[in-house]
Amino acid sequence: MIHNSEKNDLIIDYSKVIGYPCLLKITPWEKGITWTSIAGQERVIQKNYLDETGLTLHQTYNDNKENNWLRAIPKDLLGKLLDYEKKYFFPVYPLLCLLSNHQSAIDLFKRNHLLMAILMYSAKVNNWNEEYVVNLLNGKRIDLINACGLPRRESTLKTLDKIRGVSLTPLEYLTIKNVLSLPNADLINNFRYVDIKLIYLIEEHNDLLTKSLMQSYHKEWSVFQFKKIYFDTTIMLGRAANPQLIKCLTISALEKIHERWTIKRDKKVYFPQPPIKGSKYIIPITNSHELIDEGRAQHHCVAGYKDEIVNGRSYIYKVLEPERGTLQVLILANNKYARAQFKLSCHQSPSKETIRIIDQWINGND
């Protein structure tokens, strides 16, 4: 149960939940947010801004959006705080404590959510006291990131402004730290789009930082498919520094190089008998050259699945209707099959109705 006191403190009653009298009292924004636990006759006042309330801001908001305690939080911050809590890995009340007591915290929070999240994460991990954190907030941003374990470079701040899709789990923090610590990490700022998937990819393959191809990276890229086709191509060409790869600027150009060299490398290989007999509109691809033709026609890298087909792990079908696409069927034990993936041209996603029809076809042949 959540309600307000006469002084506009937020009162959360946990008594029914835990079976004995227990209240949490949170002071309002205008007084600087702190909290006190009252269990029976015992009153425990918050000693550390990093202490947690066991409550999310969304719980408070969803229980009573007209709550006067919530209304006291500046409107331009409340929406941002709710978004922040959805996005990042840790509770928002310690942040509320800083925001309500220090203008410098508000300034950073409005400027860069990710940098604020990194500061809060580092404060929690290192158990920084409030005075130390406020000194960082009042100082230079490059000193702040340096204290958080990131390189003391302006390019680091620029990259943190660009990275999308971060929830800042411990693994994500470590990955960001590792990538930004690379000697040529400033090259990331030449990319048009940067997200956490790209950061993971660069950590795994540092050499991609210098590839002009990566400047065409965008959120619709399938990193798994890219890795499969890129590294298969480097093997065929003998080295990643091959002039053809250096000059390659787009995924479509990379796919053409891959297809061309696949044809050069491969003689026609005939595949095993299809696990499921084809139909008028779902046609099994029976050899490696047909597989290459399918990849060329549909603008994707299905040719890279040749070994999986030959080894009996999956099979590829050309689908003509209800939508033109390419189907990968996974071969399971005991004559069972499953749809691994189905993509339209250029990796576009099909309709739910098409997926239903394909799954019905597969299940009817189990």
Protein backbone atom coordinates (compact mmCIF):
# COMPACT_ATOMS: atom_id res chain seq x y z
CA MET A 1 0.00 0.00 0.00
CA ILE A 2 1.36 3.44 -0.99
CA HIS A 3 0.12 6.79 0.32
CA ASN A 4 1.32 10.29 1.26
CA SER A 5 1.81 11.76 4.70
CA GLU A 6 0.70 15.28 5.58
CA LYS A 7 4.28 16.44 4.88
CA ASN A 8 4.15 14.77 1.44
CA ASP A 9 6.47 11.93 2.46
CA LEU A 10 5.88 8.79 0.42
CA ILE A 11 4.81 5.96 2.75
CA ILE A 12 5.05 2.36 1.57
CA ASP A 13 3.46 -0.20 3.89
CA TYR A 14 5.11 -3.64 3.58
CA SER A 15 3.33 -5.08 6.65
CA LYS A 16 0.97 -7.42 4.77
CA VAL A 17 3.77 -8.63 2.54
CA ILE A 18 6.27 -9.58 5.27
CA GLY A 19 3.82 -10.38 8.10
CA TYR A 20 4.81 -7.76 10.70
CA PRO A 21 4.62 -3.93 10.92
CA CYS A 22 7.06 -2.40 8.45
CA LEU A 23 6.97 0.99 6.72
CA LEU A 24 9.31 2.78 4.35
CA LYS A 25 9.18 6.58 4.44
CA ILE A 26 10.74 8.55 1.55
CA THR A 27 11.09 12.32 1.83
CA PRO A 28 9.80 14.49 -1.05
CA TRP A 29 11.89 16.00 -3.86
CA GLU A 30 11.89 19.53 -2.42
CA LYS A 31 13.47 18.31 0.83
CA GLY A 32 16.07 16.16 -0.89
CA ILE A 33 15.12 12.50 -1.22
CA THR A 34 16.23 10.17 1.60
CA TRP A 35 14.46 7.23 3.19
CA THR A 36 13.79 5.67 6.58
CA SER A 37 12.72 2.11 7.38
CA ILE A 38 10.42 1.58 10.37
CA ALA A 39 10.04 -2.04 11.47
CA GLY A 40 8.06 -2.40 14.68
CA GLN A 41 9.61 0.02 17.15
CA GLU A 42 12.92 0.15 15.30
CA ARG A 43 13.67 3.09 13.00
CA VAL A 44 16.60 2.76 10.56
CA ILE A 45 17.58 5.97 8.76
CA GLN A 46 19.32 5.76 5.41
CA LYS A 47 23.02 6.34 5.94
CA ASN A 48 24.24 5.91 2.38
CA TYR A 49 22.74 7.32 -0.83
CA LEU A 50 23.52 3.93 -2.44
CA ASP A 51 21.17 2.10 -0.08
CA GLU A 52 18.21 0.59 -1.91
CA THR A 53 14.52 0.87 -1.10
CA GLY A 54 13.44 -2.44 -2.61
CA LEU A 55 11.00 -0.42 -4.71
CA THR A 56 11.07 0.66 -8.35
CA LEU A 57 9.92 4.05 -9.53
CA HIS A 58 7.55 2.28 -11.92
CA GLN A 59 5.83 0.56 -8.98
CA THR A 60 5.24 3.93 -7.36
CA TYR A 61 4.09 5.46 -10.63
CA ASN A 62 1.77 2.63 -11.66
CA ASP A 63 0.11 2.40 -8.24
CA ASN A 64 -0.84 6.08 -8.20
CA LYS A 65 0.14 8.36 -11.07
CA GLU A 66 -1.53 11.31 -9.34
CA ASN A 67 0.55 10.82 -6.20
CA ASN A 68 1.65 14.22 -4.82
CA TRP A 69 5.11 12.85 -4.05
CA LEU A 70 5.54 12.05 -7.75
CA ARG A 71 4.12 15.42 -8.77
CA ALA A 72 6.90 17.14 -6.84
CA ILE A 73 9.53 15.63 -9.17
CA PRO A 74 10.09 18.04 -12.09
CA LYS A 75 8.04 16.87 -15.08
CA ASP A 76 10.98 17.05 -17.47
CA LEU A 77 12.87 14.59 -15.21
CA LEU A 78 10.12 12.13 -14.28
CA GLY A 79 9.61 10.76 -17.80
CA LYS A 80 13.39 10.48 -18.29
CA LEU A 81 13.73 8.65 -14.96
CA LEU A 82 11.04 6.13 -15.91
CA ASP A 83 12.80 5.53 -19.25
CA TYR A 84 16.16 5.22 -17.46
CA GLU A 85 14.78 2.62 -15.06
CA LYS A 86 13.40 0.53 -17.95
CA LYS A 87 16.68 0.68 -19.79
CA TYR A 88 19.41 0.21 -17.21
CA PHE A 89 20.36 -2.61 -14.93
CA PHE A 90 20.02 -1.11 -11.47
CA PRO A 91 17.51 0.74 -9.19
CA VAL A 92 16.73 4.41 -9.73
CA TYR A 93 16.23 5.58 -6.12
CA PRO A 94 19.95 6.16 -5.40
CA LEU A 95 19.99 8.31 -8.54
CA LEU A 96 16.88 10.17 -7.31
CA CYS A 97 18.76 10.93 -4.10
CA LEU A 98 21.60 12.56 -6.07
CA LEU A 99 19.30 14.41 -8.48
CA SER A 100 17.17 15.93 -5.72
CA ASN A 101 20.20 17.17 -3.82
CA HIS A 102 22.71 18.22 -6.51
CA GLN A 103 22.18 20.33 -9.65
CA SER A 104 25.35 18.87 -11.18
CA ALA A 105 23.69 15.44 -11.11
CA ILE A 106 20.69 16.83 -12.98
CA ASP A 107 22.99 18.42 -15.56
CA LEU A 108 24.78 15.14 -16.31
CA PHE A 109 21.56 13.11 -16.28
CA LYS A 110 19.99 15.40 -18.90
CA ARG A 111 23.16 15.42 -20.97
CA ASN A 112 24.07 11.72 -21.10
CA HIS A 113 22.07 8.87 -19.54
CA LEU A 114 24.73 6.28 -20.31
CA LEU A 115 27.49 8.27 -18.63
CA MET A 116 25.26 8.74 -15.57
CA ALA A 117 24.56 4.99 -15.54
CA ILE A 118 28.30 4.27 -15.72
CA LEU A 119 28.89 6.64 -12.80
CA MET A 120 26.16 4.99 -10.70
CA TYR A 121 27.47 1.52 -11.58
CA SER A 122 31.04 2.48 -10.64
CA ALA A 123 29.87 4.12 -7.41
CA LYS A 124 28.06 0.93 -6.41
CA VAL A 125 30.95 -1.39 -7.34
CA ASN A 126 33.57 0.79 -5.62
CA ASN A 127 31.33 1.95 -2.75
CA TRP A 128 32.10 5.63 -3.39
CA ASN A 129 30.69 8.03 -0.83
CA GLU A 130 28.37 10.83 -1.87
CA GLU A 131 31.01 13.55 -1.45
CA TYR A 132 33.37 11.78 -3.86
CA VAL A 133 30.63 11.33 -6.47
CA VAL A 134 29.56 14.98 -6.19
CA ASN A 135 33.17 16.08 -6.68
CA LEU A 136 33.28 14.01 -9.87
CA LEU A 137 29.99 15.56 -11.02
CA ASN A 138 31.35 19.04 -10.41
CA GLY A 139 34.62 18.34 -12.20
CA LYS A 140 35.62 17.63 -15.79
CA ARG A 141 33.86 14.83 -17.63
CA ILE A 142 37.17 13.26 -18.71
CA ASP A 143 38.16 13.00 -15.03
CA LEU A 144 34.81 11.35 -14.29
CA ILE A 145 35.22 8.67 -16.97
CA ASN A 146 38.81 8.10 -15.87
CA ALA A 147 37.60 7.45 -12.31
CA CYS A 148 35.10 4.96 -13.77
CA GLY A 149 37.92 3.02 -15.41
CA LEU A 150 37.52 4.37 -18.96
CA PRO A 151 40.27 6.08 -20.99
CA ARG A 152 40.72 9.76 -20.18
CA ARG A 153 40.09 10.93 -23.77
CA GLU A 154 37.60 13.29 -25.39
CA SER A 155 36.96 10.60 -28.00
CA THR A 156 35.69 8.34 -25.21
CA LEU A 157 33.03 10.91 -24.29
CA LYS A 158 32.04 11.22 -27.94
CA THR A 159 31.64 7.45 -28.26
CA LEU A 160 29.53 7.24 -25.10
CA ASP A 161 27.21 9.81 -26.70
CA LYS A 162 26.76 7.49 -29.70
CA ILE A 163 26.30 4.00 -28.22
CA ARG A 164 22.71 2.72 -28.36
CA GLY A 165 21.00 -0.34 -26.89
CA VAL A 166 23.01 -0.51 -23.65
CA SER A 167 21.47 -1.78 -20.40
CA LEU A 168 24.89 -1.72 -18.68
CA THR A 169 25.03 -5.18 -17.19
CA PRO A 170 28.45 -6.00 -15.68
CA LEU A 171 29.37 -7.80 -18.93
CA GLU A 172 28.33 -4.83 -21.07
CA TYR A 173 30.33 -2.45 -18.87
CA LEU A 174 33.44 -4.64 -19.18
CA THR A 175 33.00 -4.94 -22.96
CA ILE A 176 32.61 -1.17 -23.39
CA LYS A 177 35.68 -0.63 -21.20
CA ASN A 178 37.77 -3.12 -23.19
CA VAL A 179 36.80 -1.67 -26.57
CA LEU A 180 37.25 1.97 -25.56
CA SER A 181 40.70 1.07 -24.21
CA LEU A 182 41.91 -0.11 -27.63
CA PRO A 183 44.67 2.13 -29.06
CA ASN A 184 42.57 3.10 -32.08
CA ALA A 185 39.18 3.20 -30.33
CA ASP A 186 38.62 6.75 -31.59
CA LEU A 187 37.89 5.23 -35.03
CA ILE A 188 34.50 4.13 -33.69
CA ASN A 189 33.40 7.75 -33.93
CA ASN A 190 33.69 7.52 -37.72
CA PHE A 191 30.87 4.95 -37.79
CA ARG A 192 27.40 6.24 -38.65
CA TYR A 193 25.68 4.04 -36.08
CA VAL A 194 27.06 2.46 -32.91
CA ASP A 195 25.23 0.03 -30.64
CA ILE A 196 26.18 -2.59 -28.08
CA LYS A 197 26.09 -5.36 -30.75
CA LEU A 198 28.80 -3.51 -32.67
CA ILE A 199 30.84 -3.05 -29.48
CA TYR A 200 30.69 -6.81 -28.81
CA LEU A 201 31.73 -7.48 -32.42
CA ILE A 202 34.73 -5.14 -32.19
CA GLU A 203 35.83 -6.67 -28.88
CA GLU A 204 35.86 -10.07 -30.55
CA HIS A 205 37.55 -8.83 -33.76
CA ASN A 206 39.58 -5.66 -33.14
CA ASP A 207 40.73 -5.48 -36.77
CA LEU A 208 37.20 -4.48 -37.86
CA LEU A 209 37.84 -1.03 -36.43
CA THR A 210 39.97 -0.21 -39.45
CA LYS A 211 37.57 -1.60 -42.08
CA SER A 212 35.74 0.97 -44.18
CA LEU A 213 32.92 -1.57 -44.50
CA MET A 214 31.99 -1.02 -40.85
CA GLN A 215 31.05 2.59 -41.54
CA SER A 216 27.91 1.29 -43.25
CA TYR A 217 26.88 -0.62 -40.10
CA HIS A 218 23.29 0.03 -38.98
CA LYS A 219 20.83 -1.45 -36.47
CA GLU A 220 19.26 -3.83 -39.00
CA TRP A 221 22.51 -5.70 -39.55
CA SER A 222 22.52 -9.35 -38.50
CA VAL A 223 25.86 -9.60 -36.71
CA PHE A 224 25.72 -13.40 -36.83
CA GLN A 225 25.22 -13.44 -40.61
CA PHE A 226 27.88 -10.77 -41.11
CA LYS A 227 30.47 -12.73 -39.14
CA LYS A 228 29.68 -15.88 -41.07
CA ILE A 229 30.08 -14.30 -44.50
CA TYR A 230 32.95 -11.92 -43.62
CA PHE A 231 35.23 -14.50 -42.05
CA ASP A 232 34.41 -17.11 -44.67
CA THR A 233 35.42 -14.53 -47.28
CA THR A 234 38.71 -13.74 -45.51
CA ILE A 235 39.53 -17.46 -45.48
CA MET A 236 38.87 -17.73 -49.21
CA LEU A 237 40.91 -14.61 -49.97
CA GLY A 238 43.70 -15.70 -47.68
CA ARG A 239 43.82 -12.62 -45.45
CA ALA A 240 41.68 -9.77 -44.14
CA ALA A 241 44.07 -7.23 -45.68
CA ASN A 242 43.22 -8.38 -49.20
CA PRO A 243 42.66 -5.30 -51.43
CA GLN A 244 39.16 -6.50 -52.36
CA LEU A 245 38.12 -6.43 -48.71
CA ILE A 246 39.84 -3.12 -48.04
CA LYS A 247 37.87 -1.49 -50.86
CA CYS A 248 34.59 -3.17 -49.86
CA LEU A 249 32.20 -0.53 -48.50
CA THR A 250 28.81 -2.25 -48.18
CA ILE A 251 27.30 -5.59 -47.17
CA SER A 252 25.99 -6.13 -50.71
CA ALA A 253 29.52 -5.64 -52.08
CA LEU A 254 30.84 -8.12 -49.52
CA GLU A 255 28.17 -10.66 -50.51
CA LYS A 256 29.16 -10.33 -54.18
CA ILE A 257 32.82 -10.96 -53.33
CA HIS A 258 31.79 -13.96 -51.24
CA GLU A 259 29.60 -15.40 -54.01
CA ARG A 260 32.27 -14.89 -56.66
CA TRP A 261 34.94 -16.64 -54.63
CA THR A 262 32.59 -19.38 -53.52
CA ILE A 263 31.99 -20.23 -57.18
CA LYS A 264 35.73 -20.19 -57.86
CA ARG A 265 36.48 -22.37 -54.87
CA ASP A 266 33.68 -24.88 -55.19
CA LYS A 267 32.94 -27.49 -57.73
CA LYS A 268 29.29 -28.41 -57.91
CA VAL A 269 28.47 -30.43 -54.81
CA TYR A 270 25.27 -32.47 -54.78
CA PHE A 271 23.42 -32.46 -51.49
CA PRO A 272 21.88 -35.43 -49.66
CA GLN A 273 18.24 -36.25 -50.27
CA PRO A 274 15.98 -33.51 -48.84
CA PRO A 275 14.62 -34.47 -45.40
CA ILE A 276 11.17 -33.21 -46.43
CA LYS A 277 9.85 -33.67 -49.94
CA GLY A 278 9.24 -30.35 -51.67
CA SER A 279 5.95 -29.00 -52.89
CA LYS A 280 4.82 -26.78 -55.75
CA TYR A 281 5.84 -23.68 -53.83
CA ILE A 282 8.55 -25.00 -51.46
CA ILE A 283 11.42 -26.37 -53.52
CA PRO A 284 14.52 -28.12 -52.10
CA ILE A 285 17.90 -26.78 -53.22
CA THR A 286 19.84 -29.84 -54.34
CA ASN A 287 23.39 -28.64 -55.03
CA SER A 288 25.94 -25.98 -54.14
CA HIS A 289 25.48 -23.97 -57.34
CA GLU A 290 21.73 -23.71 -56.79
CA LEU A 291 22.52 -22.55 -53.26
CA ILE A 292 24.78 -19.80 -54.60
CA ASP A 293 22.11 -18.76 -57.10
CA GLU A 294 19.56 -18.53 -54.29
CA GLY A 295 21.85 -16.29 -52.26
CA ARG A 296 22.45 -14.08 -55.28
CA ALA A 297 18.75 -13.85 -56.13
CA GLN A 298 17.70 -13.09 -52.56
CA HIS A 299 20.69 -10.91 -51.60
CA HIS A 300 21.80 -12.86 -48.56
CA CYS A 301 24.59 -15.26 -47.55
CA VAL A 302 22.79 -18.61 -47.65
CA ALA A 303 25.74 -20.04 -49.65
CA GLY A 304 27.65 -20.20 -46.37
CA TYR A 305 25.36 -23.00 -45.18
CA LYS A 306 26.71 -25.57 -47.66
CA ASP A 307 28.67 -27.54 -45.04
CA GLU A 308 25.65 -27.76 -42.74
CA ILE A 309 23.62 -29.28 -45.59
CA VAL A 310 26.35 -31.71 -46.62
CA ASN A 311 26.79 -32.82 -42.98
CA GLY A 312 23.05 -33.39 -42.58
CA ARG A 313 22.43 -30.76 -39.92
CA SER A 314 19.97 -28.68 -41.94
CA TYR A 315 18.52 -28.21 -45.43
CA ILE A 316 17.66 -25.18 -47.54
CA TYR A 317 14.46 -24.66 -49.53
CA LYS A 318 13.43 -22.00 -52.03
CA VAL A 319 9.96 -20.70 -51.11
CA LEU A 320 7.87 -19.11 -53.88
CA GLU A 321 4.55 -18.45 -52.11
CA PRO A 322 2.88 -16.93 -50.15
CA GLU A 323 6.07 -14.81 -50.00
CA ARG A 324 9.33 -15.31 -51.89
CA GLY A 325 12.00 -16.31 -49.44
CA THR A 326 14.60 -18.83 -48.30
CA LEU A 327 13.87 -21.46 -45.66
CA GLN A 328 16.36 -23.30 -43.48
CA VAL A 329 14.97 -26.51 -41.95
CA LEU A 330 16.81 -27.91 -38.94
CA ILE A 331 17.18 -31.72 -38.96
CA LEU A 332 16.56 -33.16 -35.50
CA ALA A 333 16.70 -36.72 -34.16
CA ASN A 334 13.98 -39.34 -34.76
CA ASN A 335 12.86 -37.93 -38.12
CA LYS A 336 11.85 -34.62 -36.55
CA TYR A 337 12.34 -31.24 -38.20
CA ALA A 338 12.00 -27.58 -37.22
CA ARG A 339 12.17 -24.20 -38.90
CA ALA A 340 15.59 -22.70 -38.17
CA GLN A 341 14.95 -19.46 -40.04
CA PHE A 342 13.01 -18.04 -42.95
CA LYS A 343 14.06 -14.77 -44.59
CA LEU A 344 12.78 -12.74 -47.50
CA SER A 345 15.10 -10.84 -49.84
CA CYS A 346 17.83 -8.78 -48.13
CA HIS A 347 17.12 -10.49 -44.75
CA GLN A 348 13.66 -8.94 -44.46
CA SER A 349 11.22 -10.60 -42.08
CA PRO A 350 8.14 -12.45 -43.42
CA SER A 351 4.54 -12.06 -42.29
CA LYS A 352 3.13 -14.13 -39.43
CA GLU A 353 0.74 -15.80 -41.89
CA THR A 354 3.63 -17.00 -44.07
CA ILE A 355 5.41 -18.39 -41.01
CA ARG A 356 2.22 -20.19 -39.99
CA ILE A 357 1.90 -21.83 -43.42
CA ILE A 358 5.58 -22.90 -43.45
CA ASP A 359 5.40 -24.34 -39.94
CA GLN A 360 2.23 -26.19 -40.89
CA TRP A 361 4.05 -27.68 -43.90
CA ILE A 362 7.01 -28.78 -41.74
CA ASN A 363 4.84 -30.21 -38.95
CA GLY A 364 2.75 -32.10 -41.47
CA ASN A 365 5.87 -33.97 -42.57
CA ASP A 366 7.14 -34.99 -39.12
